C-alpha atoms as a PDB file:
ATOM      1  CA  UNK A   1      97.286  67.272 -23.321  1.00  0.00           C
ATOM      2  CA  UNK A   2      95.476  67.735 -20.016  1.00  0.00           C
ATOM      3  CA  UNK A   3      92.353  68.699 -21.912  1.00  0.00           C
ATOM      4  CA  UNK A   4      92.535  65.475 -23.957  1.00  0.00           C
ATOM      5  CA  UNK A   5      93.170  63.349 -20.798  1.00  0.00           C
ATOM      6  CA  UNK A   6      90.047  64.806 -19.188  1.00  0.00           C
ATOM      7  CA  UNK A   7      87.924  64.023 -22.332  1.00  0.00           C
ATOM      8  CA  UNK A   8      87.275  60.403 -21.366  1.00  0.00           C
ATOM      9  CA  UNK A   9      86.114  61.058 -17.762  1.00  0.00           C
ATOM     10  CA  UNK A  10      83.879  63.860 -18.926  1.00  0.00           C
ATOM     11  CA  UNK A  11      82.342  61.722 -21.689  1.00  0.00           C
ATOM     12  CA  UNK A  12      81.825  58.949 -19.156  1.00  0.00           C
ATOM     13  CA  UNK A  13      80.097  61.299 -16.764  1.00  0.00           C
ATOM     14  CA  UNK A  14      77.909  62.677 -19.548  1.00  0.00           C
ATOM     15  CA  UNK A  15      76.920  59.187 -20.587  1.00  0.00           C
ATOM     16  CA  UNK A  16      76.079  58.267 -16.980  1.00  0.00           C
ATOM     17  CA  UNK A  17      73.911  61.298 -16.579  1.00  0.00           C
ATOM     18  CA  UNK A  18      72.113  60.612 -19.868  1.00  0.00           C
ATOM     19  CA  UNK A  19      71.373  57.048 -18.814  1.00  0.00           C
ATOM     20  CA  UNK A  20      70.201  58.298 -15.364  1.00  0.00           C
ATOM     21  CA  UNK A  21      67.608  60.520 -17.098  1.00  0.00           C
ATOM     22  CA  UNK A  22      66.466  57.604 -19.332  1.00  0.00           C
ATOM     23  CA  UNK A  23      66.196  55.265 -16.363  1.00  0.00           C
ATOM     24  CA  UNK A  24      64.331  57.884 -14.262  1.00  0.00           C
ATOM     25  CA  UNK A  25      61.737  58.469 -16.929  1.00  0.00           C
ATOM     26  CA  UNK A  26      61.304  54.759 -17.521  1.00  0.00           C
ATOM     27  CA  UNK A  27      60.599  54.320 -13.808  1.00  0.00           C
ATOM     28  CA  UNK A  28      58.158  57.168 -13.779  1.00  0.00           C
ATOM     29  CA  UNK A  29      60.437  59.167 -11.333  1.00  0.00           C
ATOM     30  CA  UNK A  30      59.030  62.694 -12.282  1.00  0.00           C
ATOM     31  CA  UNK A  31      55.425  61.625 -11.591  1.00  0.00           C
ATOM     32  CA  UNK A  32      56.376  59.882  -8.360  1.00  0.00           C
ATOM     33  CA  UNK A  33      58.296  62.909  -7.130  1.00  0.00           C
ATOM     34  CA  UNK A  34      55.439  65.239  -7.905  1.00  0.00           C
ATOM     35  CA  UNK A  35      53.052  62.896  -6.106  1.00  0.00           C
ATOM     36  CA  UNK A  36      55.231  62.911  -3.065  1.00  0.00           C
ATOM     37  CA  UNK A  37      55.364  66.714  -2.951  1.00  0.00           C
ATOM     38  CA  UNK A  38      51.637  67.130  -3.613  1.00  0.00           C
ATOM     39  CA  UNK A  39      50.661  64.420  -1.143  1.00  0.00           C
ATOM     40  CA  UNK A  40      51.957  66.421   1.797  1.00  0.00           C
ATOM     41  CA  UNK A  41      49.522  69.287   1.135  1.00  0.00           C
ATOM     42  CA  UNK A  42      46.509  67.832  -0.647  1.00  0.00           C
ATOM     43  CA  UNK A  43      43.300  68.742   1.301  1.00  0.00           C
ATOM     44  CA  UNK A  44      40.357  66.374   1.504  1.00  0.00           C
ATOM     45  CA  UNK A  45      37.427  67.357  -0.765  1.00  0.00           C
ATOM     46  CA  UNK A  46      34.231  65.313  -1.174  1.00  0.00           C
ATOM     47  CA  UNK A  47      33.924  65.755  -4.963  1.00  0.00           C
ATOM     48  CA  UNK A  48      34.421  62.361  -6.441  1.00  0.00           C
ATOM     49  CA  UNK A  49      37.983  63.092  -7.478  1.00  0.00           C
ATOM     50  CA  UNK A  50      40.950  61.791  -5.431  1.00  0.00           C
ATOM     51  CA  UNK A  51      44.147  63.754  -5.555  1.00  0.00           C
ATOM     52  CA  UNK A  52      47.456  62.177  -4.602  1.00  0.00           C
ATOM     53  CA  UNK A  53      47.793  62.254  -0.871  1.00  0.00           C
ATOM     54  CA  UNK A  54      44.155  63.262  -0.266  1.00  0.00           C
ATOM     55  CA  UNK A  55      43.690  60.133   1.852  1.00  0.00           C
ATOM     56  CA  UNK A  56      46.217  58.829   4.303  1.00  0.00           C
ATOM     57  CA  UNK A  57      45.966  55.140   3.460  1.00  0.00           C
ATOM     58  CA  UNK A  58      45.611  53.211   0.246  1.00  0.00           C
ATOM     59  CA  UNK A  59      44.956  49.555  -0.717  1.00  0.00           C
ATOM     60  CA  UNK A  60      44.708  48.250  -4.283  1.00  0.00           C
ATOM     61  CA  UNK A  61      44.046  44.735  -5.482  1.00  0.00           C
ATOM     62  CA  UNK A  62      46.172  44.288  -8.589  1.00  0.00           C
ATOM     63  CA  UNK A  63      44.109  41.410  -9.926  1.00  0.00           C
ATOM     64  CA  UNK A  64      40.809  43.280 -10.010  1.00  0.00           C
ATOM     65  CA  UNK A  65      42.131  46.832 -10.111  1.00  0.00           C
ATOM     66  CA  UNK A  66      39.754  47.762  -7.292  1.00  0.00           C
ATOM     67  CA  UNK A  67      41.205  50.491  -5.103  1.00  0.00           C
ATOM     68  CA  UNK A  68      40.172  51.654  -1.609  1.00  0.00           C
ATOM     69  CA  UNK A  69      41.625  54.820   0.004  1.00  0.00           C
ATOM     70  CA  UNK A  70      40.794  56.138   3.424  1.00  0.00           C
ATOM     71  CA  UNK A  71      41.508  58.368   6.345  1.00  0.00           C
ATOM     72  CA  UNK A  72      40.476  58.411   9.969  1.00  0.00           C
ATOM     73  CA  UNK A  73      39.381  61.807  11.242  1.00  0.00           C
ATOM     74  CA  UNK A  74      37.931  62.073  14.703  1.00  0.00           C
ATOM     75  CA  UNK A  75      34.996  59.686  15.021  1.00  0.00           C
ATOM     76  CA  UNK A  76      34.564  59.216  11.232  1.00  0.00           C
ATOM     77  CA  UNK A  77      36.039  57.201   8.409  1.00  0.00           C
ATOM     78  CA  UNK A  78      36.558  59.100   5.112  1.00  0.00           C
ATOM     79  CA  UNK A  79      36.625  56.604   2.254  1.00  0.00           C
ATOM     80  CA  UNK A  80      36.877  56.424  -1.531  1.00  0.00           C
ATOM     81  CA  UNK A  81      36.438  53.296  -3.711  1.00  0.00           C
ATOM     82  CA  UNK A  82      37.445  53.116  -7.347  1.00  0.00           C
ATOM     83  CA  UNK A  83      36.617  50.417  -9.998  1.00  0.00           C
ATOM     84  CA  UNK A  84      37.283  50.337 -13.772  1.00  0.00           C
ATOM     85  CA  UNK A  85      33.596  49.218 -14.011  1.00  0.00           C
ATOM     86  CA  UNK A  86      30.906  51.807 -14.701  1.00  0.00           C
ATOM     87  CA  UNK A  87      28.173  50.343 -12.508  1.00  0.00           C
ATOM     88  CA  UNK A  88      27.902  50.222  -8.662  1.00  0.00           C
ATOM     89  CA  UNK A  89      30.955  50.100  -6.475  1.00  0.00           C
ATOM     90  CA  UNK A  90      31.076  48.753  -2.875  1.00  0.00           C
ATOM     91  CA  UNK A  91      33.342  48.313   0.085  1.00  0.00           C
ATOM     92  CA  UNK A  92      32.385  46.258   3.122  1.00  0.00           C
ATOM     93  CA  UNK A  93      33.801  46.062   6.629  1.00  0.00           C
ATOM     94  CA  UNK A  94      33.817  43.164   9.134  1.00  0.00           C
ATOM     95  CA  UNK A  95      31.504  40.220   9.055  1.00  0.00           C
ATOM     96  CA  UNK A  96      32.011  36.679  10.423  1.00  0.00           C
ATOM     97  CA  UNK A  97      31.468  35.039   6.990  1.00  0.00           C
ATOM     98  CA  UNK A  98      31.266  32.902   5.066  1.00  0.00           C
ATOM     99  CA  UNK A  99      31.869  35.099   2.083  1.00  0.00           C
ATOM    100  CA  UNK A 100      30.329  38.582   2.884  1.00  0.00           C
ATOM    101  CA  UNK A 101      27.792  37.500   5.530  1.00  0.00           C
ATOM    102  CA  UNK A 102      27.576  40.085   8.333  1.00  0.00           C
ATOM    103  CA  UNK A 103      29.568  42.763   6.439  1.00  0.00           C
ATOM    104  CA  UNK A 104      28.687  46.458   6.820  1.00  0.00           C
ATOM    105  CA  UNK A 105      28.668  47.696   3.239  1.00  0.00           C
ATOM    106  CA  UNK A 106      28.757  51.112   1.556  1.00  0.00           C
ATOM    107  CA  UNK A 107      27.562  50.764  -2.035  1.00  0.00           C
ATOM    108  CA  UNK A 108      26.972  53.429  -4.666  1.00  0.00           C
ATOM    109  CA  UNK A 109      26.874  54.364  -8.317  1.00  0.00           C
ATOM    110  CA  UNK A 110      27.034  57.500 -10.370  1.00  0.00           C
ATOM    111  CA  UNK A 111      24.575  58.537 -13.110  1.00  0.00           C
ATOM    112  CA  UNK A 112      23.522  61.762 -14.814  1.00  0.00           C
ATOM    113  CA  UNK A 113      21.926  62.999 -11.555  1.00  0.00           C
ATOM    114  CA  UNK A 114      24.973  62.472  -9.469  1.00  0.00           C
ATOM    115  CA  UNK A 115      26.252  59.974  -6.859  1.00  0.00           C
ATOM    116  CA  UNK A 116      23.797  57.546  -5.058  1.00  0.00           C
ATOM    117  CA  UNK A 117      25.323  55.757  -2.000  1.00  0.00           C
ATOM    118  CA  UNK A 118      23.581  53.620   0.523  1.00  0.00           C
ATOM    119  CA  UNK A 119      24.369  51.828   3.760  1.00  0.00           C
ATOM    120  CA  UNK A 120      23.782  48.029   3.303  1.00  0.00           C
ATOM    121  CA  UNK A 121      24.153  44.944   5.445  1.00  0.00           C
ATOM    122  CA  UNK A 122      25.015  41.483   4.160  1.00  0.00           C
ATOM    123  CA  UNK A 123      22.176  39.245   5.399  1.00  0.00           C
ATOM    124  CA  UNK A 124      23.511  36.078   3.640  1.00  0.00           C
ATOM    125  CA  UNK A 125      26.824  35.034   2.148  1.00  0.00           C
ATOM    126  CA  UNK A 126      25.695  36.374  -1.242  1.00  0.00           C
ATOM    127  CA  UNK A 127      23.035  38.951  -0.531  1.00  0.00           C
ATOM    128  CA  UNK A 128      22.828  42.344   1.105  1.00  0.00           C
ATOM    129  CA  UNK A 129      19.940  44.767   1.903  1.00  0.00           C
ATOM    130  CA  UNK A 130      19.653  48.430   2.963  1.00  0.00           C
ATOM    131  CA  UNK A 131      20.001  48.980   6.657  1.00  0.00           C
ATOM    132  CA  UNK A 132      16.751  51.042   6.621  1.00  0.00           C
ATOM    133  CA  UNK A 133      14.884  47.932   5.392  1.00  0.00           C
ATOM    134  CA  UNK A 134      16.333  45.824   8.235  1.00  0.00           C
ATOM    135  CA  UNK A 135      15.273  48.122  11.115  1.00  0.00           C
ATOM    136  CA  UNK A 136      18.493  50.134  11.131  1.00  0.00           C
ATOM    137  CA  UNK A 137      19.415  53.511   9.663  1.00  0.00           C
ATOM    138  CA  UNK A 138      21.405  54.653   6.685  1.00  0.00           C
ATOM    139  CA  UNK A 139      24.752  55.861   8.196  1.00  0.00           C
ATOM    140  CA  UNK A 140      26.348  57.267   5.088  1.00  0.00           C
ATOM    141  CA  UNK A 141      26.866  60.781   6.374  1.00  0.00           C
ATOM    142  CA  UNK A 142      28.042  62.359   3.116  1.00  0.00           C
ATOM    143  CA  UNK A 143      28.790  61.167  -0.379  1.00  0.00           C
ATOM    144  CA  UNK A 144      30.078  62.107  -3.802  1.00  0.00           C
ATOM    145  CA  UNK A 145      31.055  60.311  -7.020  1.00  0.00           C
ATOM    146  CA  UNK A 146      32.345  60.676 -10.505  1.00  0.00           C
ATOM    147  CA  UNK A 147      32.136  58.381 -13.519  1.00  0.00           C
ATOM    148  CA  UNK A 148      34.616  58.707 -16.408  1.00  0.00           C
ATOM    149  CA  UNK A 149      35.954  56.655 -19.204  1.00  0.00           C
ATOM    150  CA  UNK A 150      38.448  55.213 -16.738  1.00  0.00           C
ATOM    151  CA  UNK A 151      35.753  53.899 -14.363  1.00  0.00           C
ATOM    152  CA  UNK A 152      33.806  54.893 -11.233  1.00  0.00           C
ATOM    153  CA  UNK A 153      34.952  56.622  -8.072  1.00  0.00           C
ATOM    154  CA  UNK A 154      32.656  57.100  -5.089  1.00  0.00           C
ATOM    155  CA  UNK A 155      33.602  58.982  -1.886  1.00  0.00           C
ATOM    156  CA  UNK A 156      31.808  58.677   1.473  1.00  0.00           C
ATOM    157  CA  UNK A 157      31.860  59.495   5.114  1.00  0.00           C
ATOM    158  CA  UNK A 158      30.626  57.081   7.784  1.00  0.00           C
ATOM    159  CA  UNK A 159      30.876  56.938  11.599  1.00  0.00           C
ATOM    160  CA  UNK A 160      33.454  54.640  13.203  1.00  0.00           C
ATOM    161  CA  UNK A 161      30.985  53.421  15.913  1.00  0.00           C
ATOM    162  CA  UNK A 162      28.111  51.101  15.298  1.00  0.00           C
ATOM    163  CA  UNK A 163      24.815  52.810  15.584  1.00  0.00           C
ATOM    164  CA  UNK A 164      22.510  49.886  15.221  1.00  0.00           C
ATOM    165  CA  UNK A 165      22.663  46.125  14.890  1.00  0.00           C
ATOM    166  CA  UNK A 166      23.279  46.277  11.158  1.00  0.00           C
ATOM    167  CA  UNK A 167      26.525  48.215  11.595  1.00  0.00           C
ATOM    168  CA  UNK A 168      30.100  46.995  12.163  1.00  0.00           C
ATOM    169  CA  UNK A 169      32.346  49.226  14.285  1.00  0.00           C
ATOM    170  CA  UNK A 170      35.637  50.388  12.787  1.00  0.00           C
ATOM    171  CA  UNK A 171      38.248  49.607  15.426  1.00  0.00           C
ATOM    172  CA  UNK A 172      41.990  49.230  15.593  1.00  0.00           C
ATOM    173  CA  UNK A 173      43.480  45.894  14.613  1.00  0.00           C
ATOM    174  CA  UNK A 174      42.762  43.664  11.596  1.00  0.00           C
ATOM    175  CA  UNK A 175      39.450  44.290   9.805  1.00  0.00           C
ATOM    176  CA  UNK A 176      38.048  42.068   7.102  1.00  0.00           C
ATOM    177  CA  UNK A 177      37.576  44.436   4.059  1.00  0.00           C
ATOM    178  CA  UNK A 178      35.846  43.373   0.906  1.00  0.00           C
ATOM    179  CA  UNK A 179      35.450  45.399  -2.322  1.00  0.00           C
ATOM    180  CA  UNK A 180      33.387  44.679  -5.389  1.00  0.00           C
ATOM    181  CA  UNK A 181      31.888  46.395  -8.468  1.00  0.00           C
ATOM    182  CA  UNK A 182      29.441  45.799 -11.308  1.00  0.00           C
ATOM    183  CA  UNK A 183      28.737  47.005 -14.847  1.00  0.00           C
ATOM    184  CA  UNK A 184      25.132  47.998 -13.805  1.00  0.00           C
ATOM    185  CA  UNK A 185      23.733  50.633 -11.590  1.00  0.00           C
ATOM    186  CA  UNK A 186      21.125  48.413 -10.075  1.00  0.00           C
ATOM    187  CA  UNK A 187      21.823  47.935  -6.326  1.00  0.00           C
ATOM    188  CA  UNK A 188      20.174  44.605  -6.326  1.00  0.00           C
ATOM    189  CA  UNK A 189      21.971  43.242  -9.350  1.00  0.00           C
ATOM    190  CA  UNK A 190      24.477  40.481  -8.608  1.00  0.00           C
ATOM    191  CA  UNK A 191      27.951  41.175 -10.045  1.00  0.00           C
ATOM    192  CA  UNK A 192      28.210  38.203 -12.460  1.00  0.00           C
ATOM    193  CA  UNK A 193      31.738  38.475 -13.941  1.00  0.00           C
ATOM    194  CA  UNK A 194      32.246  41.572 -11.814  1.00  0.00           C
ATOM    195  CA  UNK A 195      35.336  42.534  -9.856  1.00  0.00           C
ATOM    196  CA  UNK A 196      35.915  41.281  -6.269  1.00  0.00           C
ATOM    197  CA  UNK A 197      38.739  41.674  -3.773  1.00  0.00           C
ATOM    198  CA  UNK A 198      39.256  40.890  -0.077  1.00  0.00           C
ATOM    199  CA  UNK A 199      42.003  41.804   2.457  1.00  0.00           C
ATOM    200  CA  UNK A 200      42.744  42.104   6.135  1.00  0.00           C
ATOM    201  CA  UNK A 201      43.598  45.760   6.889  1.00  0.00           C
ATOM    202  CA  UNK A 202      44.389  47.793  10.025  1.00  0.00           C
ATOM    203  CA  UNK A 203      42.220  50.829   9.131  1.00  0.00           C
ATOM    204  CA  UNK A 204      44.040  52.957  11.772  1.00  0.00           C
ATOM    205  CA  UNK A 205      47.597  52.091  10.738  1.00  0.00           C
ATOM    206  CA  UNK A 206      47.984  51.245   7.126  1.00  0.00           C
ATOM    207  CA  UNK A 207      49.248  50.336   4.636  1.00  0.00           C
ATOM    208  CA  UNK A 208      50.416  53.895   4.079  1.00  0.00           C
ATOM    209  CA  UNK A 209      49.656  55.547   0.762  1.00  0.00           C
ATOM    210  CA  UNK A 210      53.395  56.513   0.519  1.00  0.00           C
ATOM    211  CA  UNK A 211      54.305  52.868   0.343  1.00  0.00           C
ATOM    212  CA  UNK A 212      52.293  52.603  -2.867  1.00  0.00           C
ATOM    213  CA  UNK A 213      53.536  55.831  -4.269  1.00  0.00           C
ATOM    214  CA  UNK A 214      57.162  55.979  -3.331  1.00  0.00           C
ATOM    215  CA  UNK A 215      59.903  57.098  -5.632  1.00  0.00           C
ATOM    216  CA  UNK A 216      61.243  53.547  -6.017  1.00  0.00           C
ATOM    217  CA  UNK A 217      59.060  51.049  -7.851  1.00  0.00           C
ATOM    218  CA  UNK A 218      58.103  47.582  -6.575  1.00  0.00           C
ATOM    219  CA  UNK A 219      60.139  45.872  -9.338  1.00  0.00           C
ATOM    220  CA  UNK A 220      62.215  46.817 -12.366  1.00  0.00           C
ATOM    221  CA  UNK A 221      62.587  45.182 -15.690  1.00  0.00           C
ATOM    222  CA  UNK A 222      65.687  43.530 -17.195  1.00  0.00           C
ATOM    223  CA  UNK A 223      66.240  46.578 -19.434  1.00  0.00           C
ATOM    224  CA  UNK A 224      66.089  48.921 -16.393  1.00  0.00           C
ATOM    225  CA  UNK A 225      68.628  46.778 -14.527  1.00  0.00           C
ATOM    226  CA  UNK A 226      70.914  47.021 -17.567  1.00  0.00           C
ATOM    227  CA  UNK A 227      70.490  50.836 -17.738  1.00  0.00           C
ATOM    228  CA  UNK A 228      71.135  51.136 -13.968  1.00  0.00           C
ATOM    229  CA  UNK A 229      74.331  48.993 -14.250  1.00  0.00           C
ATOM    230  CA  UNK A 230      75.829  51.023 -17.145  1.00  0.00           C
ATOM    231  CA  UNK A 231      74.753  54.266 -15.524  1.00  0.00           C
ATOM    232  CA  UNK A 232      76.589  53.381 -12.260  1.00  0.00           C
ATOM    233  CA  UNK A 233      79.722  52.168 -14.218  1.00  0.00           C
ATOM    234  CA  UNK A 234      79.980  55.286 -16.383  1.00  0.00           C
ATOM    235  CA  UNK A 235      79.424  57.640 -13.411  1.00  0.00           C
ATOM    236  CA  UNK A 236      82.040  55.847 -11.301  1.00  0.00           C
ATOM    237  CA  UNK A 237      84.623  55.799 -14.109  1.00  0.00           C
ATOM    238  CA  UNK A 238      84.018  59.489 -14.853  1.00  0.00           C
ATOM    239  CA  UNK A 239      84.056  60.687 -11.216  1.00  0.00           C
ATOM    240  CA  UNK A 240      87.209  58.729 -10.386  1.00  0.00           C
ATOM    241  CA  UNK A 241      88.955  59.820 -13.566  1.00  0.00           C
ATOM    242  CA  UNK A 242      88.370  63.536 -12.870  1.00  0.00           C
ATOM    243  CA  UNK A 243      89.285  63.078  -9.134  1.00  0.00           C
ATOM    244  CA  UNK A 244      92.503  61.329 -10.171  1.00  0.00           C
ATOM    245  CA  UNK A 245      93.527  64.048 -12.592  1.00  0.00           C
ATOM    246  CA  UNK A 246      92.672  66.764  -9.988  1.00  0.00           C
ATOM    247  CA  UNK A 247      94.758  64.994  -7.319  1.00  0.00           C
ATOM    248  CA  UNK A 248      97.660  64.558  -9.775  1.00  0.00           C
ATOM    249  CA  UNK A 249      97.714  68.314 -10.403  1.00  0.00           C
ATOM    250  CA  UNK A 250      97.819  68.911  -6.686  1.00  0.00           C
ATOM    251  CA  UNK A 251     100.958  66.796  -6.466  1.00  0.00           C
ATOM    252  CA  UNK A 252     102.636  68.892  -9.170  1.00  0.00           C
ATOM    253  CA  UNK A 253     102.495  72.133  -7.087  1.00  0.00           C
ATOM    254  CA  UNK A 254     106.128  73.142  -6.343  1.00  0.00           C
ATOM    255  CA  UNK A 255     107.387  73.564  -2.770  1.00  0.00           C
ATOM    256  CA  UNK A 256     108.790  71.709   0.126  1.00  0.00           C
ATOM    257  CA  UNK A 257     105.545  70.215   1.329  1.00  0.00           C
ATOM    258  CA  UNK A 258     101.866  70.001   0.494  1.00  0.00           C
ATOM    259  CA  UNK A 259     100.751  73.243  -1.024  1.00  0.00           C
ATOM    260  CA  UNK A 260      97.441  75.019  -0.617  1.00  0.00           C
ATOM    261  CA  UNK A 261      96.033  72.761  -3.308  1.00  0.00           C
ATOM    262  CA  UNK A 262      96.788  69.818  -1.166  1.00  0.00           C
ATOM    263  CA  UNK A 263      94.851  71.491   1.674  1.00  0.00           C
ATOM    264  CA  UNK A 264      91.757  71.168  -0.546  1.00  0.00           C
ATOM    265  CA  UNK A 265      92.552  67.471  -0.847  1.00  0.00           C
ATOM    266  CA  UNK A 266      92.610  67.186   2.966  1.00  0.00           C
ATOM    267  CA  UNK A 267      89.141  68.848   3.086  1.00  0.00           C
ATOM    268  CA  UNK A 268      87.785  66.498   0.410  1.00  0.00           C
ATOM    269  CA  UNK A 269      89.269  63.483   2.156  1.00  0.00           C
ATOM    270  CA  UNK A 270      87.467  64.634   5.321  1.00  0.00           C
ATOM    271  CA  UNK A 271      84.163  64.760   3.416  1.00  0.00           C
ATOM    272  CA  UNK A 272      84.833  61.232   2.034  1.00  0.00           C
ATOM    273  CA  UNK A 273      85.536  60.002   5.614  1.00  0.00           C
ATOM    274  CA  UNK A 274      82.241  61.435   6.861  1.00  0.00           C
ATOM    275  CA  UNK A 275      80.351  59.922   3.904  1.00  0.00           C
ATOM    276  CA  UNK A 276      82.128  56.579   4.659  1.00  0.00           C
ATOM    277  CA  UNK A 277      81.080  56.642   8.302  1.00  0.00           C
ATOM    278  CA  UNK A 278      77.489  57.613   7.428  1.00  0.00           C
ATOM    279  CA  UNK A 279      77.198  54.886   4.729  1.00  0.00           C
ATOM    280  CA  UNK A 280      78.588  52.177   7.058  1.00  0.00           C
ATOM    281  CA  UNK A 281      76.283  53.377   9.793  1.00  0.00           C
ATOM    282  CA  UNK A 282      73.193  53.145   7.517  1.00  0.00           C
ATOM    283  CA  UNK A 283      74.411  49.724   6.338  1.00  0.00           C
ATOM    284  CA  UNK A 284      74.837  48.353   9.913  1.00  0.00           C
ATOM    285  CA  UNK A 285      71.459  49.721  11.024  1.00  0.00           C
ATOM    286  CA  UNK A 286      69.786  48.420   7.885  1.00  0.00           C
ATOM    287  CA  UNK A 287      71.089  44.886   8.522  1.00  0.00           C
ATOM    288  CA  UNK A 288      69.847  44.967  12.146  1.00  0.00           C
ATOM    289  CA  UNK A 289      66.372  46.194  11.334  1.00  0.00           C
ATOM    290  CA  UNK A 290      66.055  44.164   8.108  1.00  0.00           C
ATOM    291  CA  UNK A 291      65.757  47.255   5.911  1.00  0.00           C
ATOM    292  CA  UNK A 292      64.913  46.834   2.233  1.00  0.00           C
ATOM    293  CA  UNK A 293      67.672  45.297   0.124  1.00  0.00           C
ATOM    294  CA  UNK A 294      67.982  48.299  -2.112  1.00  0.00           C
ATOM    295  CA  UNK A 295      68.770  50.557   0.910  1.00  0.00           C
ATOM    296  CA  UNK A 296      71.375  48.155   2.416  1.00  0.00           C
ATOM    297  CA  UNK A 297      73.034  47.547  -0.983  1.00  0.00           C
ATOM    298  CA  UNK A 298      73.156  51.260  -1.817  1.00  0.00           C
ATOM    299  CA  UNK A 299      74.653  52.209   1.504  1.00  0.00           C
ATOM    300  CA  UNK A 300      77.371  49.560   1.064  1.00  0.00           C
ATOM    301  CA  UNK A 301      78.108  50.668  -2.458  1.00  0.00           C
ATOM    302  CA  UNK A 302      78.426  54.384  -1.350  1.00  0.00           C
ATOM    303  CA  UNK A 303      80.712  53.327   1.532  1.00  0.00           C
ATOM    304  CA  UNK A 304      82.946  51.442  -0.909  1.00  0.00           C
ATOM    305  CA  UNK A 305      83.013  54.349  -3.329  1.00  0.00           C
ATOM    306  CA  UNK A 306      83.923  56.788  -0.547  1.00  0.00           C
ATOM    307  CA  UNK A 307      86.747  54.418   0.576  1.00  0.00           C
ATOM    308  CA  UNK A 308      88.047  54.304  -2.979  1.00  0.00           C
ATOM    309  CA  UNK A 309      87.997  58.063  -3.113  1.00  0.00           C
ATOM    310  CA  UNK A 310      89.996  58.350   0.107  1.00  0.00           C
ATOM    311  CA  UNK A 311      92.684  55.928  -1.152  1.00  0.00           C
ATOM    312  CA  UNK A 312      92.858  57.685  -4.492  1.00  0.00           C
ATOM    313  CA  UNK A 313      93.207  61.246  -3.165  1.00  0.00           C
ATOM    314  CA  UNK A 314      95.802  60.253  -0.450  1.00  0.00           C
ATOM    315  CA  UNK A 315      97.871  58.298  -2.979  1.00  0.00           C
ATOM    316  CA  UNK A 316      97.875  60.980  -5.645  1.00  0.00           C
ATOM    317  CA  UNK A 317      98.109  64.072  -3.544  1.00  0.00           C
ATOM    318  CA  UNK A 318     100.404  63.095  -0.623  1.00  0.00           C
ATOM    319  CA  UNK A 319     102.415  59.912  -1.372  1.00  0.00           C
ATOM    320  CA  UNK A 320     104.568  61.779  -3.976  1.00  0.00           C
ATOM    321  CA  UNK A 321     105.430  64.451  -1.437  1.00  0.00           C
ATOM    322  CA  UNK A 322     106.457  61.862   1.099  1.00  0.00           C
ATOM    323  CA  UNK A 323     108.740  60.241  -1.467  1.00  0.00           C
ATOM    324  CA  UNK A 324     110.344  63.455  -2.496  1.00  0.00           C
ATOM    325  CA  UNK A 325     110.895  64.572   1.152  1.00  0.00           C
ATOM    326  CA  UNK A 326     112.476  61.167   1.992  1.00  0.00           C
ATOM    327  CA  UNK A 327     114.754  61.416  -0.938  1.00  0.00           C
ATOM    328  CA  UNK A 328     115.867  64.943   0.030  1.00  0.00           C
ATOM    329  CA  UNK A 329     116.568  63.838   3.592  1.00  0.00           C
ATOM    330  CA  UNK A 330     118.708  61.071   2.189  1.00  0.00           C
ATOM    331  CA  UNK A 331     120.808  63.638   0.347  1.00  0.00           C
ATOM    332  CA  UNK A 332     119.504  62.851  -3.137  1.00  0.00           C
ATOM    333  CA  UNK A 333     119.769  66.180  -5.153  1.00  0.00           C
ATOM    334  CA  UNK A 334     116.577  66.291  -7.129  1.00  0.00           C
END
């Protein structure tokens, strides 16, 4: 009979775990977790390939699919630019405008002979020329690149400081960053129909790469919301069903007071109390600092679940003993 009564909670738990695996794979959780682990140890290599975490910061324009990753090391900026195009790829810094006028640009392409990168300066809103042709110097200190069926990636190293009048210094605070690409390898070719992106970025502070590659996605679909809801429901029903049956068995232990089994209930209640306090603490701090909604909501849900566990365990493991003891003190011969 007891085995049959445990069948429903066990089946509920199994269903919840199964839905958790389905939801995790639909959200790409295994890949995200691997990226987080690898990102903490990935060394920087100038080889045209960018491993997860190789650069500290990452910015991607979703419309154009252009991506810029970078790190600041000493007095140098290490950068990588990716585009789905197979021609030249460029990233520019600073400039007073309009458009790209005054920007300090690193531009490059990859062919059968390797990567070719140059230091350019935007002399007009729509044109740029090599620094070396404008009385300056080419300040691309090192470069590499790789072109695949997915697109073009170029990596480079450049100084933070401006070395001549055609350079823009890389400093803390907001920097006007532009990115563009083309389907041709000609440096002078205008990118008609090419990809363009622009942003204000603090090159010393972010945005962090982890923010783009976290375990949690930026959004979930209706199907994923449905899976998450049923997963939570089945896990809660299963966990509470097993806990209720376990607590009921504790109450059946003969004796004058709570037996050794009830001592385990006391320990478990203590664990639930600690979980309750921790969850409510995270919830309170999250509200004060305006933490993400998923964190605040999860903390509140865990707190309520812990409170339900406390009430369930106390009611099933101790209330019956209090009733029995009271009846015996009243002279009722049970």
